[in-house]
Amino acid sequence: MTKVVDLSVSIENNMPAHKNMPRPVYLEWMTHESSSAMEQGTPDDLFTSAIEFMGFVNHVGTHVDAFFHTDPQGAPIDEMPLDMFFGKAVCFDLTHIPDLGDIDVADLEEAERKVGVKVDGHIVLLNTGLHARHYPNDSVMYNNPGLTAAATHWLADRGSKLHGVEGPSSDRPNWKEFPSHRVCRDRKITHVEWLCNLEALVGKGEFQFFAVPLRMSRGSGSPVRAFAVLD
């Protein structure tokens, strides 16, 4: 039986964001109660509606980065091929990596061995347990592990066009060099950041993953509704 696993954090007012970015504003703009004063519909069937106001940068919550995010000559999100953002995937169990730890080549190779799926064009999701340990506390913004440059090259060498992490970044927040982002820029791969519920995918082998961006003109990234489909 097919099972769908939602991997997206909920967009909420003032939710945690990347430490360099403003928190989102997500508020009621119109409610069913307030819209009743417009007296729309008919006397015996009043029509009311609810609408919310959203104000946030496009790198808050579960989102993907466009090549343009780190490369001034790179493709913006509306020009990137949609098939980058879905396909066969595997989830690596990296819960032994501590807060602010490094995910290196040996960690990926051992996780690959344990899951029993050789990475060959797969989207690779990295379960470190960060979300479960910290969210929704602000500490989630300051403690995520990071991929080393060598580990990011390892993914690119195996045709992994997209990888996914918990928390706000694929790089450690205390490492200003941004090694993983720079490798992604140079190797023309990218990532989904701020995933959750990855523990539900550990040990499941190969599955299908989807994280399709909005068509935002000249966007450096986009919010997504990320999910996995298990057979």
Protein backbone atom coordinates (compact mmCIF):
# COMPACT_ATOMS: atom_id res chain seq x y z
CA MET A 1 0.00 0.00 0.00
CA THR A 2 1.33 3.45 -0.94
CA LYS A 3 2.15 5.74 1.97
CA VAL A 4 2.78 9.49 1.76
CA VAL A 5 5.06 11.06 4.37
CA ASP A 6 4.89 14.84 4.79
CA LEU A 7 8.39 16.26 5.30
CA SER A 8 7.52 19.96 5.54
CA VAL A 9 7.44 22.24 8.56
CA SER A 10 4.27 24.30 9.01
CA ILE A 11 4.47 27.98 8.10
CA GLU A 12 3.64 29.88 11.29
CA ASN A 13 3.82 33.47 12.41
CA ASN A 14 7.23 34.33 13.92
CA MET A 15 8.56 30.79 13.44
CA PRO A 16 12.31 30.13 13.66
CA ALA A 17 14.28 31.17 10.61
CA HIS A 18 17.90 31.13 9.52
CA LYS A 19 19.92 33.21 11.95
CA ASN A 20 20.66 35.79 9.21
CA MET A 21 17.04 36.17 8.08
CA PRO A 22 13.87 37.81 9.42
CA ARG A 23 11.14 35.63 10.88
CA PRO A 24 7.98 35.29 8.81
CA VAL A 25 4.78 37.25 9.32
CA TYR A 26 1.73 35.06 8.81
CA LEU A 27 -1.51 36.60 10.04
CA GLU A 28 -5.26 36.54 9.54
CA TRP A 29 -6.27 39.14 6.98
CA MET A 30 -9.92 38.22 6.61
CA THR A 31 -11.93 35.83 8.75
CA HIS A 32 -15.32 34.22 8.24
CA GLU A 33 -16.60 36.42 11.05
CA SER A 34 -15.28 39.71 9.61
CA SER A 35 -16.33 38.92 6.04
CA SER A 36 -19.93 38.30 7.10
CA ALA A 37 -20.34 42.09 7.32
CA MET A 38 -20.00 42.27 3.51
CA GLU A 39 -23.33 40.43 3.22
CA GLN A 40 -22.18 38.40 0.22
CA GLY A 41 -24.07 35.38 -1.09
CA THR A 42 -27.80 35.30 -0.49
CA PRO A 43 -29.90 36.02 2.61
CA ASP A 44 -30.47 32.31 3.17
CA ASP A 45 -26.92 31.26 2.21
CA LEU A 46 -24.39 33.84 3.44
CA PHE A 47 -21.01 33.58 1.70
CA THR A 48 -17.99 34.16 3.95
CA SER A 49 -14.29 33.57 3.39
CA ALA A 50 -10.98 33.33 5.21
CA ILE A 51 -7.73 34.79 3.83
CA GLU A 52 -4.27 35.02 5.41
CA PHE A 53 -1.47 37.54 4.88
CA MET A 54 2.02 36.15 4.30
CA GLY A 55 5.24 38.13 4.50
CA PHE A 56 8.53 36.25 4.54
CA VAL A 57 11.74 35.68 2.64
CA ASN A 58 11.83 32.72 0.29
CA HIS A 59 14.43 30.82 2.35
CA VAL A 60 12.28 30.32 5.47
CA GLY A 61 10.70 27.01 6.37
CA THR A 62 11.00 24.04 4.01
CA HIS A 63 12.53 25.45 0.84
CA VAL A 64 14.88 24.80 -2.07
CA ASP A 65 17.80 26.93 -3.22
CA ALA A 66 18.13 28.07 -6.81
CA PHE A 67 21.56 28.18 -8.45
CA PHE A 68 21.15 31.99 -8.45
CA HIS A 69 21.19 31.95 -4.63
CA THR A 70 24.98 31.51 -4.54
CA ASP A 71 25.97 32.28 -8.15
CA PRO A 72 25.13 35.65 -9.75
CA GLN A 73 25.20 33.92 -13.15
CA GLY A 74 23.21 30.90 -11.98
CA ALA A 75 19.66 30.03 -13.00
CA PRO A 76 16.87 31.52 -10.87
CA ILE A 77 14.25 29.19 -9.51
CA ASP A 78 11.75 29.81 -12.31
CA GLU A 79 14.33 28.75 -14.93
CA MET A 80 15.55 25.58 -13.23
CA PRO A 81 14.27 22.25 -14.61
CA LEU A 82 11.43 20.88 -12.50
CA ASP A 83 12.80 17.36 -12.71
CA MET A 84 15.64 18.44 -10.40
CA PHE A 85 13.16 18.53 -7.57
CA PHE A 86 11.65 15.07 -7.63
CA GLY A 87 12.74 11.51 -8.24
CA LYS A 88 14.12 8.38 -6.65
CA ALA A 89 15.50 8.99 -3.18
CA VAL A 90 17.03 7.42 -0.11
CA CYS A 91 17.31 8.56 3.50
CA PHE A 92 20.55 8.19 5.45
CA ASP A 93 20.49 7.70 9.22
CA LEU A 94 23.04 10.17 10.62
CA THR A 95 21.65 10.54 14.12
CA HIS A 96 25.10 9.89 15.56
CA ILE A 97 26.21 13.29 14.24
CA PRO A 98 26.02 15.78 17.14
CA ASP A 99 24.82 19.35 17.05
CA LEU A 100 27.31 21.48 15.09
CA GLY A 101 29.02 18.30 13.93
CA ASP A 102 30.46 17.59 10.49
CA ILE A 103 28.91 15.09 8.07
CA ASP A 104 31.89 13.71 6.17
CA VAL A 105 32.50 11.11 3.46
CA ALA A 106 32.94 8.22 5.90
CA ASP A 107 29.55 9.01 7.46
CA LEU A 108 27.83 8.95 4.07
CA GLU A 109 29.53 5.72 3.03
CA GLU A 110 28.59 3.95 6.25
CA ALA A 111 24.98 5.20 6.01
CA GLU A 112 24.84 4.04 2.38
CA ARG A 113 26.07 0.60 3.42
CA LYS A 114 23.45 0.33 6.16
CA VAL A 115 20.53 1.36 3.97
CA GLY A 116 21.57 -1.05 1.23
CA VAL A 117 21.02 1.32 -1.68
CA LYS A 118 23.94 2.55 -3.76
CA VAL A 119 23.59 6.24 -4.53
CA ASP A 120 23.32 6.50 -8.31
CA GLY A 121 21.39 9.62 -9.24
CA HIS A 122 19.35 9.44 -6.03
CA ILE A 123 18.12 12.40 -4.03
CA VAL A 124 19.74 11.90 -0.61
CA LEU A 125 17.97 13.00 2.59
CA LEU A 126 20.04 13.29 5.76
CA ASN A 127 18.32 12.45 9.04
CA THR A 128 20.35 13.85 11.95
CA GLY A 129 17.54 14.20 14.50
CA LEU A 130 18.02 17.98 14.69
CA HIS A 131 14.33 18.77 14.20
CA ALA A 132 13.19 16.37 16.90
CA ARG A 133 15.81 17.67 19.33
CA HIS A 134 15.16 21.38 18.90
CA TYR A 135 12.07 22.46 16.97
CA PRO A 136 10.22 24.81 17.62
CA ASN A 137 12.81 26.25 19.99
CA ASP A 138 15.13 28.93 18.66
CA SER A 139 18.07 26.61 19.31
CA VAL A 140 17.19 24.92 16.00
CA MET A 141 18.64 27.99 14.24
CA TYR A 142 22.09 27.63 15.81
CA ASN A 143 22.87 23.91 16.10
CA ASN A 144 22.50 22.12 12.77
CA PRO A 145 25.31 19.84 11.59
CA GLY A 146 26.93 20.64 8.26
CA LEU A 147 28.13 18.77 5.21
CA THR A 148 31.84 19.03 4.53
CA ALA A 149 33.04 20.02 1.07
CA ALA A 150 34.30 16.46 0.50
CA ALA A 151 30.91 14.98 1.45
CA THR A 152 29.12 17.34 -0.91
CA HIS A 153 31.49 16.35 -3.71
CA TRP A 154 30.74 12.69 -2.83
CA LEU A 155 27.05 13.32 -3.50
CA ALA A 156 27.73 15.16 -6.75
CA ASP A 157 30.11 12.43 -7.94
CA ARG A 158 27.26 9.93 -7.62
CA GLY A 159 24.83 12.03 -9.66
CA SER A 160 22.82 13.24 -6.66
CA LYS A 161 21.30 16.42 -8.09
CA LEU A 162 19.50 17.28 -4.86
CA HIS A 163 19.97 16.50 -1.17
CA GLY A 164 17.91 17.42 1.84
CA VAL A 165 18.71 18.43 5.40
CA GLU A 166 16.93 19.28 8.61
CA GLY A 167 17.30 22.81 9.91
CA PRO A 168 18.01 26.08 8.14
CA SER A 169 21.17 25.20 6.21
CA SER A 170 23.35 22.43 4.84
CA ASP A 171 26.32 24.27 6.39
CA ARG A 172 27.10 24.63 10.08
CA PRO A 173 25.93 28.01 11.45
CA ASN A 174 29.31 28.54 13.15
CA TRP A 175 31.30 28.06 9.93
CA LYS A 176 31.36 31.21 7.80
CA GLU A 177 33.15 29.50 4.90
CA PHE A 178 29.93 27.77 3.67
CA PRO A 179 31.84 24.79 2.21
CA SER A 180 28.77 22.79 1.16
CA HIS A 181 27.03 25.72 -0.49
CA ARG A 182 30.19 26.56 -2.44
CA VAL A 183 30.52 23.00 -3.72
CA CYS A 184 26.84 23.02 -4.71
CA ARG A 185 27.48 26.26 -6.60
CA ASP A 186 30.48 24.81 -8.43
CA ARG A 187 29.00 21.34 -9.15
CA LYS A 188 25.54 22.65 -10.17
CA ILE A 189 23.60 20.69 -7.58
CA THR A 190 21.33 22.04 -4.87
CA HIS A 191 19.47 21.15 -1.69
CA VAL A 192 16.21 21.24 0.23
CA GLU A 193 16.60 22.82 3.65
CA TRP A 194 14.47 22.58 6.77
CA LEU A 195 12.92 19.18 6.29
CA CYS A 196 11.26 17.27 9.15
CA ASN A 197 9.93 13.76 9.85
CA LEU A 198 12.94 12.16 8.16
CA GLU A 199 13.07 9.49 10.85
CA ALA A 200 9.98 7.99 9.20
CA LEU A 201 12.10 7.21 6.12
CA VAL A 202 15.08 5.56 7.81
CA GLY A 203 15.41 1.93 6.78
CA LYS A 204 12.79 2.22 4.03
CA GLY A 205 15.21 1.77 1.14
CA GLU A 206 14.42 3.57 -2.09
CA PHE A 207 11.33 5.79 -2.37
CA GLN A 208 10.07 8.74 -4.41
CA PHE A 209 10.66 12.30 -3.18
CA PHE A 210 9.01 15.55 -4.28
CA ALA A 211 9.88 19.17 -3.39
CA VAL A 212 8.67 21.29 -6.30
CA PRO A 213 9.24 25.06 -6.03
CA LEU A 214 6.87 27.89 -6.83
CA ARG A 215 7.47 29.71 -10.10
CA MET A 216 8.92 32.85 -8.53
CA SER A 217 10.32 35.30 -11.08
CA ARG A 218 14.11 35.63 -10.69
CA GLY A 219 13.81 33.82 -7.37
CA SER A 220 16.90 32.73 -5.44
CA GLY A 221 14.83 29.95 -3.88
CA SER A 222 11.30 28.95 -3.06
CA PRO A 223 9.15 27.40 -0.35
CA VAL A 224 8.10 23.83 -1.16
CA ARG A 225 5.74 21.17 0.14
CA ALA A 226 8.19 18.30 0.47
CA PHE A 227 6.94 14.73 0.76
CA ALA A 228 7.96 11.14 0.17
CA VAL A 229 5.93 8.35 -1.42
CA LEU A 230 6.64 4.85 -0.09
CA ASP A 231 5.42 1.74 -1.88
